[in-house]
Amino acid sequence: METAIFGGGCFWCLEAVFMRIRGVESVISGYCGGHVVDPEYAAVCRGTTGHAEVVRVSFDPAEVEYSALLDVFFAVHDPTTLNRQGNDVGTQYRSVIFAQSSEQWDLADEAIRSQQDRWSAPVVTELRLAEAFYPAEVEHQGYFENHATQPYCAYVVAPKVTKTGEKFSDLLKPEFR
């Protein structure tokens, strides 16, 4: 198993998307990249801890390559909006990749550069070395699965899940096809 950490707006969105990808064993919503040990959701949302909302993806590289996870990551968020995804505004919603190895760093760096050709605005995705990851509180785990009819889930998360299914049907777990 390998691990990837991505931040691209609200962690509920990324968790719901990556849980559907074959080879992904688990996705944990959490916080990374800040200066506070064991941050709490309210403080992260206020932007006082420096953390980004992220997901830690545990995956089997024999079933899904890291580069494919990068493709999914860039397809489900806007990497050109600094510290923002839609109505979610603040550094906690920044686009960021925390590389877990030199190989991940190289692949992520290449992916960021290749994204620049696809967007008219500059890509602002940060690339950082692995840092301490703190799991979010239990109520944030499996949020979309447990609250699909909640307005944020229905209007923000669900379209990203649908887009993933349409664009990456070949990467979906059988139960999500």
Protein backbone atom coordinates (compact mmCIF):
# COMPACT_ATOMS: atom_id res chain seq x y z
CA MET A 1 0.00 0.00 0.00
CA GLU A 2 1.01 3.58 -0.65
CA THR A 3 -0.33 6.86 0.65
CA ALA A 4 -1.21 10.10 -1.12
CA ILE A 5 -2.36 13.36 0.47
CA PHE A 6 -4.38 15.88 -1.53
CA GLY A 7 -6.09 19.14 -0.65
CA GLY A 8 -8.49 20.69 -3.11
CA GLY A 9 -11.23 22.48 -1.24
CA CYS A 10 -13.56 20.80 1.21
CA PHE A 11 -12.36 17.36 2.23
CA TRP A 12 -15.90 15.95 1.98
CA CYS A 13 -15.68 16.30 -1.82
CA LEU A 14 -12.32 14.62 -2.24
CA GLU A 15 -13.19 11.83 0.17
CA ALA A 16 -16.38 10.97 -1.73
CA VAL A 17 -14.54 10.99 -5.07
CA PHE A 18 -11.49 8.93 -4.10
CA MET A 19 -13.53 6.29 -2.22
CA ARG A 20 -15.00 5.32 -5.59
CA ILE A 21 -11.65 4.66 -7.28
CA ARG A 22 -10.52 1.04 -7.61
CA GLY A 23 -7.38 0.22 -5.70
CA VAL A 24 -8.19 2.78 -3.02
CA GLU A 25 -8.41 0.97 0.29
CA SER A 26 -9.27 3.93 2.50
CA VAL A 27 -9.71 7.68 2.46
CA ILE A 28 -9.44 9.69 5.65
CA SER A 29 -10.40 13.34 5.83
CA GLY A 30 -8.02 15.45 7.86
CA TYR A 31 -5.66 18.37 8.14
CA CYS A 32 -2.10 18.92 6.94
CA GLY A 33 0.37 21.74 6.44
CA GLY A 34 -0.25 23.87 9.51
CA HIS A 35 1.55 24.91 12.66
CA VAL A 36 -0.80 23.57 15.36
CA VAL A 37 -0.60 20.04 16.76
CA ASP A 38 -3.94 18.17 16.68
CA PRO A 39 -6.00 20.97 15.13
CA GLU A 40 -9.78 21.01 15.45
CA TYR A 41 -12.25 21.67 12.65
CA ALA A 42 -13.48 25.02 14.01
CA ALA A 43 -9.95 26.42 14.27
CA VAL A 44 -9.01 25.13 10.81
CA CYS A 45 -12.17 26.73 9.37
CA ARG A 46 -11.24 30.06 10.97
CA GLY A 47 -7.91 29.82 9.14
CA THR A 48 -5.86 30.23 12.32
CA THR A 49 -3.92 26.95 12.20
CA GLY A 50 -2.41 27.13 8.72
CA HIS A 51 -3.74 23.68 7.84
CA ALA A 52 -5.44 22.68 4.62
CA GLU A 53 -8.42 20.36 4.57
CA VAL A 54 -6.99 17.24 2.92
CA VAL A 55 -7.61 13.57 2.34
CA ARG A 56 -5.14 10.79 3.02
CA VAL A 57 -5.65 8.15 0.35
CA SER A 58 -4.30 4.63 0.95
CA PHE A 59 -4.06 2.82 -2.36
CA ASP A 60 -2.65 -0.28 -4.00
CA PRO A 61 -0.29 0.88 -6.78
CA ALA A 62 -0.77 -2.46 -8.53
CA GLU A 63 -4.43 -1.49 -9.06
CA VAL A 64 -4.25 2.27 -9.53
CA GLU A 65 -1.19 4.38 -10.25
CA TYR A 66 -0.42 7.59 -8.40
CA SER A 67 -0.52 9.42 -11.73
CA ALA A 68 -4.14 8.31 -12.19
CA LEU A 69 -4.99 9.68 -8.74
CA LEU A 70 -3.40 12.96 -9.79
CA ASP A 71 -5.60 13.01 -12.89
CA VAL A 72 -8.70 12.56 -10.73
CA PHE A 73 -7.51 15.22 -8.28
CA PHE A 74 -7.07 17.83 -11.00
CA ALA A 75 -10.38 16.96 -12.65
CA VAL A 76 -12.52 17.56 -9.57
CA HIS A 77 -11.28 20.95 -8.40
CA ASP A 78 -10.08 24.23 -9.88
CA PRO A 79 -6.30 24.45 -9.38
CA THR A 80 -6.25 28.09 -10.49
CA THR A 81 -8.16 29.62 -7.59
CA LEU A 82 -5.87 30.69 -4.77
CA ASN A 83 -7.21 29.65 -1.36
CA ARG A 84 -10.67 29.01 -2.72
CA GLN A 85 -12.96 26.41 -4.21
CA GLY A 86 -16.34 27.83 -5.15
CA ASN A 87 -17.90 29.45 -2.09
CA ASP A 88 -15.32 27.86 0.23
CA VAL A 89 -12.78 30.62 0.83
CA GLY A 90 -9.62 30.57 2.95
CA THR A 91 -6.18 29.00 3.06
CA GLN A 92 -7.74 25.82 4.45
CA TYR A 93 -9.28 25.26 1.00
CA ARG A 94 -6.07 25.70 -1.00
CA SER A 95 -4.99 23.35 -3.74
CA VAL A 96 -2.06 21.34 -2.39
CA ILE A 97 -0.28 18.03 -2.83
CA PHE A 98 1.84 16.60 -0.01
CA ALA A 99 4.33 14.28 -1.72
CA GLN A 100 5.19 11.16 0.28
CA SER A 101 8.29 10.25 -1.73
CA SER A 102 10.66 11.64 -4.33
CA GLU A 103 8.78 9.66 -6.98
CA GLN A 104 5.48 11.26 -5.95
CA TRP A 105 7.17 14.66 -5.95
CA ASP A 106 8.38 14.19 -9.52
CA LEU A 107 5.01 12.91 -10.76
CA ALA A 108 3.10 15.70 -8.99
CA ASP A 109 5.48 18.36 -10.28
CA GLU A 110 5.02 17.05 -13.82
CA ALA A 111 1.23 16.96 -13.38
CA ILE A 112 1.13 20.54 -12.11
CA ARG A 113 3.19 21.73 -15.07
CA SER A 114 1.01 19.84 -17.54
CA GLN A 115 -2.13 21.36 -16.00
CA GLN A 116 -0.90 24.81 -16.90
CA ASP A 117 -1.55 24.02 -20.57
CA ARG A 118 -5.19 23.20 -19.79
CA TRP A 119 -6.10 26.41 -17.95
CA SER A 120 -6.12 30.05 -19.03
CA ALA A 121 -5.23 31.23 -15.50
CA PRO A 122 -2.05 30.25 -13.62
CA VAL A 123 -2.17 26.96 -11.71
CA VAL A 124 -1.59 27.72 -8.01
CA THR A 125 -1.45 24.17 -6.66
CA GLU A 126 1.22 23.92 -3.97
CA LEU A 127 3.61 20.99 -3.92
CA ARG A 128 5.05 20.24 -0.50
CA LEU A 129 6.92 17.42 1.14
CA ALA A 130 4.98 15.15 3.46
CA GLU A 131 4.02 16.78 6.74
CA ALA A 132 2.14 15.62 9.81
CA PHE A 133 -1.38 14.49 8.99
CA TYR A 134 -4.14 14.83 11.57
CA PRO A 135 -7.40 12.92 11.02
CA ALA A 136 -10.51 15.08 11.18
CA GLU A 137 -13.15 14.44 13.76
CA VAL A 138 -15.28 11.32 13.31
CA GLU A 139 -18.32 13.29 12.09
CA HIS A 140 -16.33 14.34 9.01
CA GLN A 141 -15.45 10.79 7.96
CA GLY A 142 -17.73 9.34 5.28
CA TYR A 143 -19.64 12.61 5.29
CA PHE A 144 -21.14 12.38 1.83
CA GLU A 145 -22.17 8.77 2.30
CA ASN A 146 -23.91 9.69 5.56
CA HIS A 147 -25.41 13.04 4.49
CA ALA A 148 -26.02 12.85 0.73
CA THR A 149 -29.24 14.89 0.93
CA GLN A 150 -27.70 17.68 2.99
CA PRO A 151 -27.67 20.79 0.71
CA TYR A 152 -23.86 21.14 0.52
CA CYS A 153 -23.55 17.47 -0.39
CA ALA A 154 -26.39 17.61 -2.91
CA TYR A 155 -25.18 20.76 -4.67
CA VAL A 156 -21.38 20.65 -4.30
CA VAL A 157 -20.21 17.10 -3.56
CA ALA A 158 -22.66 15.13 -5.72
CA PRO A 159 -21.73 16.90 -9.00
CA LYS A 160 -18.05 16.08 -8.39
CA VAL A 161 -18.94 12.45 -7.73
CA THR A 162 -21.00 12.39 -10.94
CA LYS A 163 -18.19 14.02 -12.92
CA THR A 164 -15.74 11.42 -11.63
CA GLY A 165 -18.07 8.61 -12.70
CA GLU A 166 -18.43 10.07 -16.18
CA LYS A 167 -14.81 11.01 -16.78
CA PHE A 168 -13.11 8.10 -15.00
CA SER A 169 -15.53 5.20 -15.41
CA ASP A 170 -12.57 2.92 -16.16
CA LEU A 171 -11.12 3.70 -12.71
CA LEU A 172 -14.28 3.11 -10.69
CA LYS A 173 -14.76 0.24 -8.28
CA PRO A 174 -17.37 -2.21 -9.67
CA GLU A 175 -20.01 -1.15 -7.13
CA PHE A 176 -19.88 2.43 -8.42
CA ARG A 177 -20.12 1.72 -12.14
